[in-house]
């Protein structure tokens, strides 16, 4: 195959990596497997344009994106729209989609796995047409990300520290809002503190990522209005890998989820694959697109 790899030099692990040496190692892995590979190392602000340019090229068989979860999410959206297979090199903090794909988290090990891998038909979600590979969420998670973003950090350890401080803030100031939803024809109105809609159901790991991205559905999770003690209890359940089993969580499965916010009178936010975004309207359509994202993954033997 002929592939183009695009690495975000500002993304996580890559910030402290000798990218020239890394590029040589990636090239060696793909050449040894009989592939032709081009590599571009770009800044975060250039990443989307570089991905879209690669996606329009008729001479490429696949592209590879390297960076954090935000970079990987953007790359998946481009690959989905272009119909081009995507391989990922996880260089972020959590690397959730790479975990879903059962790829090595070590950036030096994953190139050989991809070079000797296979292409599968994976699922991708969308929120009003915007792609997500992990989850759409509102409430507790969005507030945590907003609080965390208010702190300054420049490393993985700093991000973890900021997240801890933000989590404490959320425990003592949990959100409470009203939603109306239609999940495959099942309609309800609820007061909630949290909504999560995932690309396939979360597994049972503490980090809450899907263990299968080919099952063709959305996981839809809500938590009722929570007191500070309730938020602490939910956080404890998550740390134990028992998010889905928590008595505070209601779980559903759906192909389509439509959300309506009947009492929005101020700015509200959501999180899509780790990125905090404003919601400009009272209605959001969430969908899963089974088999529409072509993914370069390992053989399953690694």
Protein backbone atom coordinates (compact mmCIF):
# COMPACT_ATOMS: atom_id res chain seq x y z
CA UNK A 1 0.00 0.00 0.00
CA UNK A 2 0.95 3.62 -0.41
CA UNK A 3 0.28 5.59 2.78
CA UNK A 4 0.81 9.10 4.10
CA UNK A 5 1.48 9.57 7.82
CA UNK A 6 0.70 12.95 9.40
CA UNK A 7 2.01 13.56 12.92
CA UNK A 8 0.95 16.39 15.22
CA UNK A 9 4.24 17.52 16.72
CA UNK A 10 2.30 19.45 19.41
CA UNK A 11 0.41 16.34 20.55
CA UNK A 12 1.28 14.76 23.90
CA UNK A 13 4.21 12.35 23.62
CA UNK A 14 5.40 13.86 20.34
CA UNK A 15 6.29 17.13 22.10
CA UNK A 16 9.22 15.38 23.78
CA UNK A 17 10.09 12.96 20.96
CA UNK A 18 12.91 13.30 18.43
CA UNK A 19 10.54 13.36 15.46
CA UNK A 20 13.30 12.86 12.88
CA UNK A 21 14.42 9.66 14.60
CA UNK A 22 10.83 8.59 15.08
CA UNK A 23 10.04 9.17 11.42
CA UNK A 24 12.95 6.97 10.41
CA UNK A 25 11.70 4.18 12.68
CA UNK A 26 8.18 4.39 11.24
CA UNK A 27 9.49 4.36 7.68
CA UNK A 28 11.62 1.31 8.43
CA UNK A 29 8.64 -0.60 9.84
CA UNK A 30 6.44 0.09 6.81
CA UNK A 31 9.15 -0.47 4.22
CA UNK A 32 10.00 -3.81 5.84
CA UNK A 33 6.36 -4.83 5.39
CA UNK A 34 6.42 -3.87 1.69
CA UNK A 35 4.62 -0.53 1.87
CA UNK A 36 5.43 2.91 0.51
CA UNK A 37 5.18 5.65 3.12
CA UNK A 38 5.33 9.45 3.18
CA UNK A 39 5.64 11.32 6.47
CA UNK A 40 4.66 14.88 7.35
CA UNK A 41 5.22 16.42 10.80
CA UNK A 42 3.01 19.48 11.29
CA UNK A 43 1.75 21.74 14.05
CA UNK A 44 -1.67 21.41 15.63
CA UNK A 45 -3.04 24.30 13.58
CA UNK A 46 -2.00 22.66 10.32
CA UNK A 47 -3.29 19.19 11.13
CA UNK A 48 -6.80 19.35 9.68
CA UNK A 49 -5.69 20.85 6.38
CA UNK A 50 -2.95 18.23 6.05
CA UNK A 51 -5.46 15.45 6.72
CA UNK A 52 -8.01 16.81 4.27
CA UNK A 53 -5.35 17.20 1.58
CA UNK A 54 -4.28 13.57 2.07
CA UNK A 55 -7.90 12.44 2.01
CA UNK A 56 -8.41 13.94 -1.45
CA UNK A 57 -5.42 12.18 -2.99
CA UNK A 58 -6.34 9.41 -5.40
CA UNK A 59 -2.86 7.84 -5.27
CA UNK A 60 -3.05 6.91 -1.56
CA UNK A 61 -4.42 3.65 -0.20
CA UNK A 62 -4.59 4.81 3.44
CA UNK A 63 -3.44 7.51 5.81
CA UNK A 64 -2.05 7.46 9.33
CA UNK A 65 -2.61 10.12 11.97
CA UNK A 66 -0.47 10.52 15.07
CA UNK A 67 -1.38 12.61 18.10
CA UNK A 68 -3.72 12.84 21.06
CA UNK A 69 -7.40 11.93 21.23
CA UNK A 70 -8.45 15.25 19.68
CA UNK A 71 -6.15 14.73 16.71
CA UNK A 72 -7.35 11.16 16.25
CA UNK A 73 -11.00 12.25 16.40
CA UNK A 74 -10.41 14.92 13.74
CA UNK A 75 -8.56 12.42 11.56
CA UNK A 76 -11.39 9.91 11.86
CA UNK A 77 -13.89 12.55 10.78
CA UNK A 78 -11.83 13.34 7.69
CA UNK A 79 -11.27 9.66 6.87
CA UNK A 80 -14.99 8.94 7.26
CA UNK A 81 -15.98 11.73 4.90
CA UNK A 82 -13.29 10.79 2.36
CA UNK A 83 -13.78 7.03 2.61
CA UNK A 84 -10.05 6.48 3.14
CA UNK A 85 -8.72 3.85 5.59
CA UNK A 86 -7.13 5.32 8.72
CA UNK A 87 -4.39 4.04 10.96
CA UNK A 88 -3.64 5.79 14.25
CA UNK A 89 -0.54 6.29 16.37
CA UNK A 90 -1.58 7.20 19.93
CA UNK A 91 0.54 10.03 21.33
CA UNK A 92 -1.88 11.54 23.83
CA UNK A 93 -2.71 11.19 27.51
CA UNK A 94 -5.61 8.72 27.47
CA UNK A 95 -5.45 7.31 23.91
CA UNK A 96 -8.97 5.94 24.27
CA UNK A 97 -9.68 5.02 20.65
CA UNK A 98 -6.34 3.23 20.36
CA UNK A 99 -7.34 1.17 23.39
CA UNK A 100 -10.66 0.36 21.72
CA UNK A 101 -8.73 -0.86 18.68
CA UNK A 102 -6.41 -2.92 20.92
CA UNK A 103 -3.33 -1.15 19.60
CA UNK A 104 -0.13 -0.76 21.59
CA UNK A 105 0.01 2.53 23.48
CA UNK A 106 3.78 2.71 23.03
CA UNK A 107 4.43 4.94 19.99
CA UNK A 108 7.56 2.93 19.13
CA UNK A 109 5.70 -0.39 19.00
CA UNK A 110 2.53 0.56 17.12
CA UNK A 111 4.09 1.24 13.66
CA UNK A 112 5.11 -2.40 13.19
CA UNK A 113 1.62 -3.54 14.25
CA UNK A 114 -0.02 -1.24 11.72
CA UNK A 115 2.46 -2.09 8.96
CA UNK A 116 1.58 -5.77 9.31
CA UNK A 117 -2.10 -5.20 10.07
CA UNK A 118 -5.43 -5.39 8.29
CA UNK A 119 -8.30 -3.07 7.41
CA UNK A 120 -11.65 -3.47 9.17
CA UNK A 121 -15.03 -1.78 8.83
CA UNK A 122 -15.46 0.20 12.05
CA UNK A 123 -18.33 2.29 13.38
CA UNK A 124 -18.30 6.03 13.92
CA UNK A 125 -20.76 8.28 15.71
CA UNK A 126 -21.95 11.77 14.85
CA UNK A 127 -23.50 14.66 16.74
CA UNK A 128 -25.37 16.90 14.29
CA UNK A 129 -23.01 15.60 11.63
CA UNK A 130 -19.79 16.11 13.60
CA UNK A 131 -17.91 12.84 13.91
CA UNK A 132 -16.91 11.23 17.18
CA UNK A 133 -15.07 7.98 17.75
CA UNK A 134 -15.35 7.86 21.55
CA UNK A 135 -18.21 9.81 23.09
CA UNK A 136 -20.47 12.84 23.24
CA UNK A 137 -21.16 13.99 26.79
CA UNK A 138 -22.78 16.76 28.81
CA UNK A 139 -23.13 17.64 32.46
CA UNK A 140 -20.51 16.45 34.93
CA UNK A 141 -17.92 15.65 32.27
CA UNK A 142 -18.34 18.95 30.43
CA UNK A 143 -18.06 20.87 33.70
CA UNK A 144 -14.93 18.94 34.64
CA UNK A 145 -13.28 19.75 31.29
CA UNK A 146 -14.28 23.40 31.60
CA UNK A 147 -12.78 23.63 35.08
CA UNK A 148 -9.65 21.76 33.99
CA UNK A 149 -9.13 24.05 31.01
CA UNK A 150 -9.04 27.00 33.39
CA UNK A 151 -5.80 25.65 34.89
CA UNK A 152 -2.42 25.91 33.20
CA UNK A 153 -0.50 22.69 32.51
CA UNK A 154 2.20 21.68 30.07
CA UNK A 155 2.70 17.97 30.70
CA UNK A 156 0.80 14.74 31.21
CA UNK A 157 1.40 14.94 34.96
CA UNK A 158 0.21 18.54 34.94
CA UNK A 159 -2.94 17.53 33.08
CA UNK A 160 -3.65 14.79 35.61
CA UNK A 161 -3.18 17.27 38.45
CA UNK A 162 -5.50 19.78 36.78
CA UNK A 163 -8.08 17.05 36.23
CA UNK A 164 -7.94 16.12 39.91
CA UNK A 165 -8.49 19.71 41.00
CA UNK A 166 -11.33 20.05 38.48
CA UNK A 167 -12.97 16.83 39.72
CA UNK A 168 -13.01 18.19 43.28
CA UNK A 169 -14.66 21.36 42.01
CA UNK A 170 -17.34 19.36 40.17
CA UNK A 171 -18.07 17.22 43.23
CA UNK A 172 -19.03 20.33 45.18
CA UNK A 173 -20.91 21.98 42.28
CA UNK A 174 -22.68 19.28 40.23
CA UNK A 175 -24.95 20.33 37.34
CA UNK A 176 -28.68 19.60 37.21
CA UNK A 177 -30.60 20.07 33.97
CA UNK A 178 -33.65 18.77 32.12
CA UNK A 179 -33.63 16.79 28.89
CA UNK A 180 -36.16 15.21 26.60
CA UNK A 181 -34.88 12.34 24.50
CA UNK A 182 -35.97 9.91 21.82
CA UNK A 183 -33.83 6.77 21.68
CA UNK A 184 -35.02 4.60 18.78
CA UNK A 185 -38.61 5.67 19.47
CA UNK A 186 -38.44 5.43 23.28
CA UNK A 187 -39.29 8.92 24.55
CA UNK A 188 -38.76 10.32 28.03
CA UNK A 189 -38.15 13.50 29.97
CA UNK A 190 -35.56 13.41 32.75
CA UNK A 191 -33.63 15.63 35.12
CA UNK A 192 -29.98 14.61 34.94
CA UNK A 193 -26.49 15.50 36.07
CA UNK A 194 -24.77 13.62 33.24
CA UNK A 195 -25.39 12.35 29.70
CA UNK A 196 -22.91 10.17 27.82
CA UNK A 197 -23.47 8.79 24.33
CA UNK A 198 -20.68 6.46 23.21
CA UNK A 199 -19.66 4.94 19.90
CA UNK A 200 -20.68 1.39 20.96
CA UNK A 201 -21.03 0.51 24.63
CA UNK A 202 -18.25 1.25 27.06
CA UNK A 203 -16.39 -1.78 28.33
CA UNK A 204 -15.59 -2.34 31.99
CA UNK A 205 -12.21 -0.61 32.23
CA UNK A 206 -11.67 2.41 34.45
CA UNK A 207 -10.95 4.63 31.43
CA UNK A 208 -14.38 3.90 29.89
CA UNK A 209 -13.70 3.03 26.26
CA UNK A 210 -15.54 0.70 23.91
CA UNK A 211 -14.12 -2.81 23.66
CA UNK A 212 -15.73 -3.35 20.24
CA UNK A 213 -16.17 -0.64 17.60
CA UNK A 214 -18.01 -2.89 15.14
CA UNK A 215 -21.22 -3.70 17.05
CA UNK A 216 -23.25 -0.99 15.30
CA UNK A 217 -24.91 0.90 18.14
CA UNK A 218 -24.65 3.81 20.56
CA UNK A 219 -24.37 3.41 24.30
CA UNK A 220 -26.69 5.94 25.99
CA UNK A 221 -26.03 6.63 29.67
CA UNK A 222 -27.67 9.07 32.07
CA UNK A 223 -27.18 9.88 35.74
CA UNK A 224 -29.94 11.53 37.81
CA UNK A 225 -29.43 14.83 39.66
CA UNK A 226 -26.60 14.12 42.08
CA UNK A 227 -25.57 15.60 45.40
CA UNK A 228 -21.85 16.04 46.15
CA UNK A 229 -21.95 12.65 47.89
CA UNK A 230 -23.59 11.14 44.80
CA UNK A 231 -20.91 12.54 42.49
CA UNK A 232 -18.22 11.14 44.78
CA UNK A 233 -19.96 7.74 44.73
CA UNK A 234 -20.13 7.77 40.92
CA UNK A 235 -16.46 8.76 40.69
CA UNK A 236 -15.60 5.84 42.99
CA UNK A 237 -17.61 3.46 40.80
CA UNK A 238 -15.76 4.73 37.71
CA UNK A 239 -12.37 4.26 39.38
CA UNK A 240 -13.38 0.67 40.17
CA UNK A 241 -14.32 0.07 36.53
CA UNK A 242 -18.00 -0.19 37.51
CA UNK A 243 -19.49 2.76 35.64
CA UNK A 244 -22.03 0.61 33.78
CA UNK A 245 -22.86 -1.37 36.92
CA UNK A 246 -23.30 1.72 39.08
CA UNK A 247 -26.84 2.07 40.51
CA UNK A 248 -26.58 5.75 39.60
CA UNK A 249 -26.37 5.02 35.86
CA UNK A 250 -29.22 4.18 33.50
CA UNK A 251 -28.00 2.47 30.34
CA UNK A 252 -29.70 2.07 26.97
CA UNK A 253 -28.64 0.95 23.51
CA UNK A 254 -29.76 2.77 20.37
CA UNK A 255 -29.01 3.50 16.75
CA UNK A 256 -30.31 7.07 17.00
CA UNK A 257 -30.67 9.40 19.99
CA UNK A 258 -32.33 12.80 19.67
CA UNK A 259 -31.85 15.20 22.59
CA UNK A 260 -33.93 18.28 23.34
CA UNK A 261 -33.24 20.81 26.08
CA UNK A 262 -36.57 22.45 26.98
CA UNK A 263 -35.29 24.96 29.54
CA UNK A 264 -32.01 26.25 28.18
CA UNK A 265 -31.67 29.90 29.18
CA UNK A 266 -27.89 30.23 29.20
CA UNK A 267 -24.76 28.96 27.46
CA UNK A 268 -24.28 25.21 27.75
CA UNK A 269 -21.39 23.01 26.71
CA UNK A 270 -20.76 19.49 25.53
CA UNK A 271 -17.62 17.42 25.16
CA UNK A 272 -16.93 15.55 21.93
CA UNK A 273 -13.93 13.23 22.13
CA UNK A 274 -12.35 15.34 24.85
CA UNK A 275 -12.96 18.74 23.23
CA UNK A 276 -15.19 21.23 25.05
CA UNK A 277 -17.67 22.81 22.62
CA UNK A 278 -20.61 25.20 23.02
CA UNK A 279 -24.11 24.04 22.12
CA UNK A 280 -25.84 26.66 20.04
CA UNK A 281 -29.28 25.05 19.76
CA UNK A 282 -31.79 23.13 21.85
CA UNK A 283 -31.79 19.96 19.75
CA UNK A 284 -28.98 17.52 19.00
CA UNK A 285 -29.17 14.46 16.76
CA UNK A 286 -26.78 11.63 17.63
CA UNK A 287 -26.29 8.73 15.23
CA UNK A 288 -24.10 5.70 14.74
CA UNK A 289 -22.81 4.88 11.26
CA UNK A 290 -22.05 1.14 11.25
CA UNK A 291 -19.07 0.00 9.22
CA UNK A 292 -18.49 3.40 7.62
CA UNK A 293 -15.04 4.08 9.10
CA UNK A 294 -12.28 2.01 7.50
CA UNK A 295 -9.57 1.32 10.08
CA UNK A 296 -6.06 -0.07 9.85
CA UNK A 297 -5.59 -2.26 12.91
CA UNK A 298 -3.41 -5.13 14.08
CA UNK A 299 -3.95 -8.75 13.19
CA UNK A 300 -5.05 -9.61 16.72
CA UNK A 301 -1.86 -11.57 17.38
CA UNK A 302 0.18 -8.71 18.79
